[in-house]
Protein backbone atom coordinates (compact mmCIF):
# COMPACT_ATOMS: atom_id res chain seq x y z
CA MET A 1 74.59 89.24 78.05
CA GLU A 2 70.97 90.37 78.15
CA PHE A 3 70.05 87.45 80.40
CA ALA A 4 72.81 88.39 82.86
CA GLU A 5 71.76 92.03 82.91
CA ARG A 6 68.24 91.04 84.03
CA ALA A 7 69.81 90.05 87.35
CA MET A 8 72.01 93.17 87.59
CA PRO A 9 69.61 96.02 88.48
CA VAL A 10 72.11 98.10 90.47
CA LEU A 11 74.53 98.31 87.57
CA GLY A 12 71.59 99.07 85.29
CA LEU A 13 70.53 102.05 87.39
CA LEU A 14 74.13 103.23 87.52
CA ARG A 15 74.41 102.97 83.74
CA GLU A 16 71.37 105.23 83.34
CA ARG A 17 73.05 107.92 85.45
CA PHE A 18 76.39 107.49 83.70
CA ALA A 19 74.72 107.86 80.30
CA ARG A 20 73.04 111.06 81.47
CA ASP A 21 75.97 112.67 83.31
CA ARG A 22 78.94 111.28 81.30
CA PRO A 23 81.35 111.37 84.29
CA LEU A 24 84.05 109.42 82.39
CA ALA A 25 83.91 111.34 79.11
CA GLY A 26 87.08 110.78 77.08
CA LEU A 27 88.81 108.83 79.89
CA ARG A 28 90.94 105.92 78.62
CA ILE A 29 90.63 102.83 80.80
CA ALA A 30 92.60 99.57 80.49
CA ALA A 31 90.94 96.59 82.16
CA CYS A 32 92.16 93.09 82.91
CA ALA A 33 89.03 91.03 83.53
CA HIS A 34 87.28 87.73 82.91
CA VAL A 35 85.49 88.27 79.60
CA THR A 36 82.05 87.03 80.58
CA PRO A 37 78.50 88.37 80.20
CA GLU A 38 78.72 89.97 83.65
CA THR A 39 81.91 91.81 82.73
CA ALA A 40 80.19 92.95 79.56
CA ALA A 41 77.58 94.68 81.73
CA LEU A 42 80.36 96.58 83.51
CA ALA A 43 82.00 97.47 80.19
CA ARG A 44 78.71 98.83 78.85
CA THR A 45 78.26 100.92 81.99
CA LEU A 46 81.72 102.47 81.73
CA THR A 47 81.35 103.25 78.04
CA ALA A 48 77.90 104.74 78.71
CA GLY A 49 79.72 107.11 81.04
CA GLY A 50 82.00 108.18 78.19
CA ALA A 51 85.02 105.97 78.86
CA VAL A 52 87.21 104.63 76.06
CA LEU A 53 87.68 101.05 77.20
CA HIS A 54 90.38 98.50 76.34
CA VAL A 55 89.91 95.01 77.83
CA ALA A 56 92.32 92.08 78.16
CA ALA A 57 91.42 88.72 79.65
CA SER A 58 92.56 87.81 83.15
CA ASN A 59 92.41 84.06 82.49
CA PRO A 60 92.86 82.25 79.16
CA LEU A 61 90.19 79.67 79.99
CA SER A 62 87.48 82.04 81.24
CA THR A 63 87.13 84.11 78.07
CA GLN A 64 83.83 83.64 76.24
CA ASP A 65 84.62 84.43 72.61
CA ASP A 66 81.05 85.36 71.71
CA VAL A 67 80.98 87.95 74.49
CA ALA A 68 84.32 89.38 73.35
CA ALA A 69 83.03 89.65 69.78
CA ALA A 70 79.77 91.28 70.87
CA LEU A 71 81.63 93.94 72.87
CA VAL A 72 83.79 94.77 69.87
CA THR A 73 81.06 94.85 67.24
CA GLY A 74 78.16 96.14 69.30
CA ASP A 75 79.69 98.37 71.94
CA GLY A 76 82.95 99.67 70.50
CA VAL A 77 85.11 98.14 73.22
CA ALA A 78 88.65 97.18 72.18
CA VAL A 79 88.98 93.58 73.42
CA GLN A 80 92.26 91.66 73.50
CA ALA A 81 91.16 88.16 74.51
CA ARG A 82 90.70 84.70 73.09
CA HIS A 83 89.64 81.49 74.78
CA GLY A 84 92.52 79.08 75.25
CA VAL A 85 95.25 81.52 74.21
CA ASP A 86 98.79 80.41 75.16
CA ARG A 87 100.94 82.19 77.73
CA ALA A 88 102.77 84.28 75.15
CA GLY A 89 99.50 85.43 73.61
CA TYR A 90 98.05 86.17 77.03
CA ALA A 91 101.02 88.38 77.92
CA GLY A 92 100.76 90.08 74.53
CA HIS A 93 97.13 90.97 75.21
CA LEU A 94 98.08 92.64 78.49
CA ARG A 95 100.73 94.70 76.77
CA ALA A 96 98.32 95.64 73.99
CA VAL A 97 95.75 97.29 76.28
CA LEU A 98 98.53 99.25 77.98
CA GLU A 99 99.65 100.53 74.58
CA ALA A 100 96.43 102.55 74.57
CA ARG A 101 98.11 104.72 77.25
CA PRO A 102 95.27 104.53 79.76
CA ALA A 103 94.64 107.01 82.55
CA LEU A 104 92.97 104.40 84.77
CA LEU A 105 93.45 100.67 85.30
CA LEU A 106 90.95 98.03 86.32
CA ASP A 107 93.10 95.08 87.35
CA ASP A 108 92.44 91.46 88.25
CA GLY A 109 95.36 89.76 89.98
CA CYS A 110 97.75 92.74 89.67
CA ASP A 111 98.68 91.69 86.13
CA LEU A 112 98.51 95.13 84.52
CA VAL A 113 100.25 96.82 87.43
CA GLN A 114 103.06 94.27 87.32
CA VAL A 115 103.61 94.72 83.58
CA LEU A 116 103.71 98.49 84.07
CA HIS A 117 106.30 98.20 86.84
CA THR A 118 108.52 95.73 84.99
CA ASP A 119 108.24 95.91 81.18
CA ARG A 120 106.51 99.24 80.49
CA THR A 121 107.69 101.72 83.09
CA ASP A 122 107.63 104.37 80.35
CA LEU A 123 103.82 104.35 80.56
CA LEU A 124 103.58 104.87 84.32
CA GLY A 125 103.50 108.65 84.11
CA GLY A 126 100.17 108.70 82.29
CA VAL A 127 98.29 106.46 84.74
CA VAL A 128 96.33 108.37 87.39
CA ALA A 129 95.15 105.39 89.48
CA GLY A 130 94.01 101.79 89.39
CA ALA A 131 91.50 99.47 91.07
CA GLU A 132 92.14 95.85 92.04
CA GLN A 133 89.34 93.28 92.11
CA THR A 134 90.94 90.18 93.70
CA SER A 135 92.36 89.05 97.03
CA THR A 136 95.52 87.80 95.32
CA GLY A 137 96.02 91.11 93.55
CA VAL A 138 95.60 93.15 96.73
CA LEU A 139 98.13 90.90 98.48
CA ARG A 140 100.69 91.51 95.72
CA LEU A 141 100.01 95.26 95.74
CA ARG A 142 100.56 95.48 99.49
CA GLN A 143 103.83 93.59 99.07
CA MET A 144 104.89 96.02 96.34
CA HIS A 145 104.02 98.98 98.55
CA ALA A 146 105.90 97.51 101.53
CA ASP A 147 108.96 97.09 99.29
CA GLY A 148 108.70 100.68 98.09
CA ALA A 149 108.08 99.46 94.54
CA LEU A 150 104.49 100.62 93.95
CA ARG A 151 104.48 103.86 91.99
CA LEU A 152 100.72 104.15 91.49
CA PRO A 153 97.71 104.74 93.71
CA VAL A 154 95.59 101.57 93.60
CA VAL A 155 92.20 101.12 95.27
CA ALA A 156 91.53 97.73 96.90
CA VAL A 157 88.02 97.12 95.59
CA ASN A 158 88.26 93.52 96.78
CA ASP A 159 88.53 94.57 100.40
CA THR A 160 85.16 96.31 100.77
CA PRO A 161 82.75 94.58 103.18
CA MET A 162 80.28 94.04 100.35
CA GLN A 163 82.86 92.41 98.09
CA LEU A 164 84.20 90.13 100.81
CA LEU A 165 80.77 88.99 101.94
CA VAL A 166 78.85 88.73 98.68
CA ALA A 167 81.48 87.96 96.02
CA ASN A 168 84.19 86.16 97.96
CA ARG A 169 82.09 84.17 100.41
CA HIS A 170 78.78 83.58 98.66
CA GLY A 171 79.85 83.95 95.02
CA THR A 172 82.95 81.80 95.30
CA GLY A 173 81.25 79.35 97.64
CA GLN A 174 78.54 78.58 95.11
CA SER A 175 80.44 78.90 91.84
CA VAL A 176 83.39 76.68 92.79
CA LEU A 177 81.19 73.77 93.81
CA ASP A 178 79.04 74.36 90.73
CA ALA A 179 82.19 74.01 88.61
CA VAL A 180 83.21 70.77 90.34
CA MET A 181 79.78 69.23 89.82
CA ARG A 182 79.55 70.36 86.19
CA ALA A 183 83.03 69.08 85.38
CA THR A 184 82.83 65.73 87.15
CA GLY A 185 79.13 64.93 87.50
CA ALA A 186 79.97 63.83 91.05
CA LEU A 187 77.58 63.64 93.98
CA LEU A 188 79.19 65.58 96.82
CA ALA A 189 76.92 64.21 99.56
CA GLY A 190 78.87 61.70 101.63
CA THR A 191 82.27 62.69 100.23
CA VAL A 192 85.20 64.27 102.06
CA VAL A 193 85.94 67.74 100.71
CA VAL A 194 89.28 69.24 101.71
CA VAL A 195 89.36 73.04 101.61
CA ALA A 196 92.83 74.60 101.75
CA GLY A 197 92.55 78.06 103.31
CA TYR A 198 89.71 79.42 105.45
CA GLY A 199 89.51 83.04 104.41
CA TRP A 200 86.38 84.58 102.93
CA CYS A 201 86.49 82.30 99.87
CA GLY A 202 87.44 79.12 101.71
CA SER A 203 84.82 79.58 104.40
CA GLY A 204 82.16 80.11 101.74
CA ILE A 205 83.18 76.95 99.89
CA ALA A 206 83.25 74.94 103.12
CA ALA A 207 79.77 76.11 104.12
CA ARG A 208 78.30 75.22 100.73
CA ALA A 209 80.03 71.83 100.66
CA ARG A 210 78.65 70.95 104.07
CA GLY A 211 75.22 72.12 102.93
CA LEU A 212 75.43 69.60 100.10
CA GLY A 213 76.14 66.79 102.57
CA ALA A 214 79.93 66.61 102.38
CA GLN A 215 82.26 66.13 105.31
CA VAL A 216 84.61 69.12 105.28
CA VAL A 217 88.26 69.09 106.29
CA VAL A 218 90.05 72.45 106.41
CA THR A 219 93.80 73.05 106.21
CA GLU A 220 95.22 76.34 107.46
CA VAL A 221 98.45 78.07 108.51
CA GLU A 222 96.79 80.94 110.41
CA PRO A 223 95.61 80.02 113.94
CA ARG A 224 92.63 82.37 114.16
CA ARG A 225 91.19 81.13 110.89
CA ALA A 226 91.80 77.53 111.91
CA LEU A 227 89.93 78.18 115.16
CA GLU A 228 87.08 79.76 113.20
CA ALA A 229 86.87 76.62 111.06
CA VAL A 230 86.76 74.43 114.17
CA LEU A 231 84.00 76.57 115.72
CA ASP A 232 82.09 76.38 112.43
CA GLY A 233 82.06 72.61 112.85
CA HIS A 234 84.81 71.56 110.45
CA ARG A 235 87.74 69.26 111.07
CA VAL A 236 91.16 70.95 110.77
CA LEU A 237 94.21 68.93 109.76
CA PRO A 238 97.60 69.46 108.10
CA MET A 239 97.44 68.76 104.39
CA ALA A 240 99.88 65.86 104.82
CA GLU A 241 97.15 64.08 106.81
CA ALA A 242 94.15 65.36 104.89
CA ALA A 243 95.61 64.18 101.58
CA ALA A 244 94.78 60.53 102.31
CA LEU A 245 91.20 61.34 103.36
CA GLY A 246 89.89 63.67 100.67
CA ASP A 247 87.71 62.90 97.68
CA VAL A 248 87.74 66.50 96.45
CA PHE A 249 90.50 69.06 97.10
CA LEU A 250 89.85 72.78 96.68
CA THR A 251 92.68 75.29 97.11
CA THR A 252 91.87 78.88 98.08
CA THR A 253 95.06 80.22 99.66
CA GLY A 254 96.56 82.55 97.06
CA ASN A 255 99.90 80.81 97.68
CA ARG A 256 101.96 78.28 95.72
CA ASP A 257 102.61 74.56 96.31
CA VAL A 258 99.53 73.87 98.40
CA LEU A 259 99.19 70.44 96.79
CA THR A 260 102.48 68.79 95.83
CA SER A 261 104.00 65.39 95.14
CA GLU A 262 104.05 64.70 98.87
CA HIS A 263 100.26 64.83 98.82
CA PHE A 264 99.67 63.21 95.41
CA SER A 265 101.49 60.10 96.61
CA CYS A 266 98.84 59.24 99.18
CA MET A 267 95.61 60.48 97.57
CA LYS A 268 92.74 58.18 96.71
CA ASP A 269 92.18 56.89 93.22
CA GLY A 270 89.82 59.33 91.50
CA ALA A 271 90.53 62.26 93.81
CA VAL A 272 89.48 65.59 92.26
CA LEU A 273 91.92 68.54 92.40
CA ALA A 274 90.56 72.03 91.77
CA ASN A 275 92.00 75.48 92.35
CA ALA A 276 89.90 78.46 93.42
CA GLY A 277 92.86 80.83 93.77
CA HIS A 278 93.62 83.41 91.11
CA PHE A 279 96.86 81.92 89.73
CA ASP A 280 97.64 78.35 88.64
CA VAL A 281 100.36 77.81 91.24
CA GLU A 282 98.43 76.28 94.15
CA VAL A 283 98.38 72.78 92.64
CA ASP A 284 101.87 71.79 91.51
CA VAL A 285 100.82 70.78 88.00
CA VAL A 286 104.42 70.32 86.84
CA GLY A 287 105.11 68.00 89.76
CA LEU A 288 101.90 66.10 89.07
CA ALA A 289 102.92 65.61 85.44
CA ASP A 290 106.34 64.37 86.55
CA GLU A 291 104.71 61.80 88.86
CA ALA A 292 102.33 60.58 86.15
CA VAL A 293 103.11 57.73 83.76
CA ALA A 294 100.33 58.96 81.44
CA VAL A 295 98.10 62.01 81.13
CA HIS A 296 94.64 61.49 79.66
CA ARG A 297 93.45 64.88 78.39
CA ARG A 298 89.82 65.92 78.48
CA VAL A 299 88.32 62.73 79.87
CA ARG A 300 85.48 65.19 80.43
CA PRO A 301 85.42 68.87 79.48
CA GLN A 302 88.04 70.66 81.63
CA VAL A 303 89.08 67.39 83.35
CA ASP A 304 92.51 65.80 82.82
CA ALA A 305 93.29 62.41 84.38
CA TYR A 306 96.86 61.93 85.61
CA GLU A 307 97.65 58.23 85.83
CA LEU A 308 100.27 57.29 88.43
CA ALA A 309 102.60 54.29 88.43
CA ASP A 310 100.39 52.31 90.83
CA GLY A 311 97.33 52.75 88.62
CA ARG A 312 95.66 55.54 90.60
CA ARG A 313 94.23 58.45 88.62
CA LEU A 314 94.03 62.00 89.95
CA LEU A 315 91.57 64.28 88.20
CA LEU A 316 92.76 67.85 87.66
CA LEU A 317 90.18 70.48 86.78
CA ALA A 318 90.86 73.38 84.37
CA GLU A 319 94.61 72.73 84.19
CA GLY A 320 94.93 74.00 87.74
CA ARG A 321 93.57 77.41 86.78
CA LEU A 322 90.68 79.23 88.44
CA ALA A 323 88.13 76.43 88.35
CA ASN A 324 84.91 78.33 88.89
CA LEU A 325 85.46 80.42 85.75
CA ALA A 326 87.24 77.84 83.59
CA ALA A 327 85.05 74.82 84.39
CA GLY A 328 81.94 76.83 85.32
CA GLU A 329 80.45 80.25 84.66
CA GLY A 330 81.90 82.11 87.63
CA HIS A 331 79.86 84.11 90.10
CA PRO A 332 76.13 84.49 89.44
CA PRO A 333 75.10 87.78 87.78
CA SER A 334 73.37 88.95 90.98
CA VAL A 335 76.71 88.72 92.78
CA MET A 336 78.62 90.54 90.07
CA ASP A 337 75.92 93.23 90.05
CA ILE A 338 77.15 94.27 93.49
CA SER A 339 80.84 93.76 92.77
CA PHE A 340 80.85 95.68 89.50
CA ALA A 341 78.63 98.47 90.83
CA VAL A 342 81.23 99.08 93.54
CA GLN A 343 83.93 98.98 90.89
CA ALA A 344 82.15 101.43 88.56
CA LEU A 345 81.52 103.91 91.36
CA THR A 346 85.13 103.53 92.46
CA VAL A 347 86.29 104.38 88.93
CA GLU A 348 84.17 107.53 88.99
CA TRP A 349 85.59 108.53 92.39
CA MET A 350 89.25 107.76 91.82
CA ALA A 351 89.34 109.62 88.48
CA GLY A 352 89.25 112.90 90.39
CA ALA A 353 90.43 111.90 93.87
CA GLY A 354 94.08 112.93 93.44
CA LEU A 355 95.39 109.88 95.27
CA SER A 356 99.04 109.35 96.18
CA PRO A 357 100.93 106.12 95.36
CA GLY A 358 99.96 103.25 97.64
CA VAL A 359 97.01 100.97 98.37
CA HIS A 360 93.80 102.82 99.20
CA ALA A 361 90.41 101.77 100.57
CA VAL A 362 87.12 102.30 98.78
CA PRO A 363 85.14 105.08 100.53
CA PRO A 364 82.56 103.39 102.82
CA ALA A 365 79.81 105.56 101.34
CA ILE A 366 80.20 103.74 98.00
CA ASP A 367 79.76 100.33 99.65
CA ASP A 368 76.73 101.57 101.62
CA ASP A 369 75.13 103.10 98.53
CA VAL A 370 75.44 99.85 96.58
CA ALA A 371 74.08 97.80 99.49
CA ARG A 372 71.04 100.06 99.90
CA THR A 373 70.31 100.05 96.18
CA LYS A 374 70.59 96.26 96.03
CA LEU A 375 68.25 95.82 98.99
CA ALA A 376 65.73 98.18 97.40
CA SER A 377 65.83 96.15 94.17
CA LEU A 378 65.01 93.06 96.25
CA GLY A 379 62.10 94.77 97.97
CA VAL A 380 63.85 94.72 101.36
CA ARG A 381 63.06 97.59 103.73
CA LEU A 382 65.13 98.72 106.71
CA ASP A 383 64.36 100.22 110.10
CA ARG A 384 65.54 103.76 110.81
CA LEU A 385 67.06 105.05 114.01
CA SER A 386 64.82 107.36 115.96
CA PRO A 387 66.33 110.71 117.02
CA ALA A 388 66.60 109.38 120.57
CA GLN A 389 68.43 106.25 119.35
CA ALA A 390 70.83 108.32 117.26
CA ARG A 391 71.58 110.58 120.21
CA TYR A 392 72.15 107.56 122.46
CA LEU A 393 74.67 106.02 120.07
CA SER A 394 76.57 109.31 119.71
CA SER A 395 76.90 110.16 123.40
CA TRP A 396 78.76 108.51 126.23
CA ARG A 397 76.76 110.44 128.86
CA ALA A 398 73.45 108.70 128.25
């Protein structure tokens, strides 16, 4: 935790102000998050500001038990998380943090919001607002709002320019490939890497894979993103064709059934399947198990080999869960410094913003403040507009 915080100067400066001003004094917050050293830095910042924090894990395989224990014993955070917990235990942890009757939510994948709107509607009245950290969660929230089902104001932290650029593109791009290499020990140079989805995360993964010497094939359903992939120098194919070519498959769509039995049937022996989307639905793990005549568990840490009738073996990483956090360590601390600083400032703002139910944007001033502070910590200086330049940009008569 201390090592991570050395690379998180923005959150450190924010914690100093929170400790001095106590803007969250007495505020109960329930968080669904990956219990990692970087998340611990956010938790310490919120509690320094006076918050009473209850944390549940957002992925059973990403929880680091030593971090969870340190937060409980050293920082007074109520943590409901355990590495490798089963689905029933995972759901129980989510319900437990909501039992604290929080005023604010910090969500990851819309899990807490969904439980509130299905199983614990009696607790909705006490929740002032929430913040969502993931692309998948924001998608679900917008669907809830469109259906008239969302009864809370929720701020789309994921959608800030800083989050999309730094966390989604650069953080995911590096951490997913790091997880693949750690788990498999494979050399990516000279391989064919198939990236499903070319949003912020997919484009970051594709760029890093090409930088490591891989040939990148992209699959897409959205024409503008497919064109962007083509102009970035990648080959774009339907998955039905890409399946026979790929050595490594990385799913980043946020949708289900991206890789199914149709694709497993023509993949190469030894093909690696990894999911970079929030939920374990992109690779049809049930269908893969049905196709297999044998499943060899943990042939390497976080690698299961599914043996098919013709002798081919497909290697599934992290049980189809979020690979970069289950088979790796997730985003680097310097990335999460920016992401969590935006989140902490958003918590401070939304506590008194009086928002109406719906999906809200983070105020641009918060994003700008974090970007400037991060640049200053890196020793980067900016130009300033002269008065004449400012006048020119603000007038159509010039």
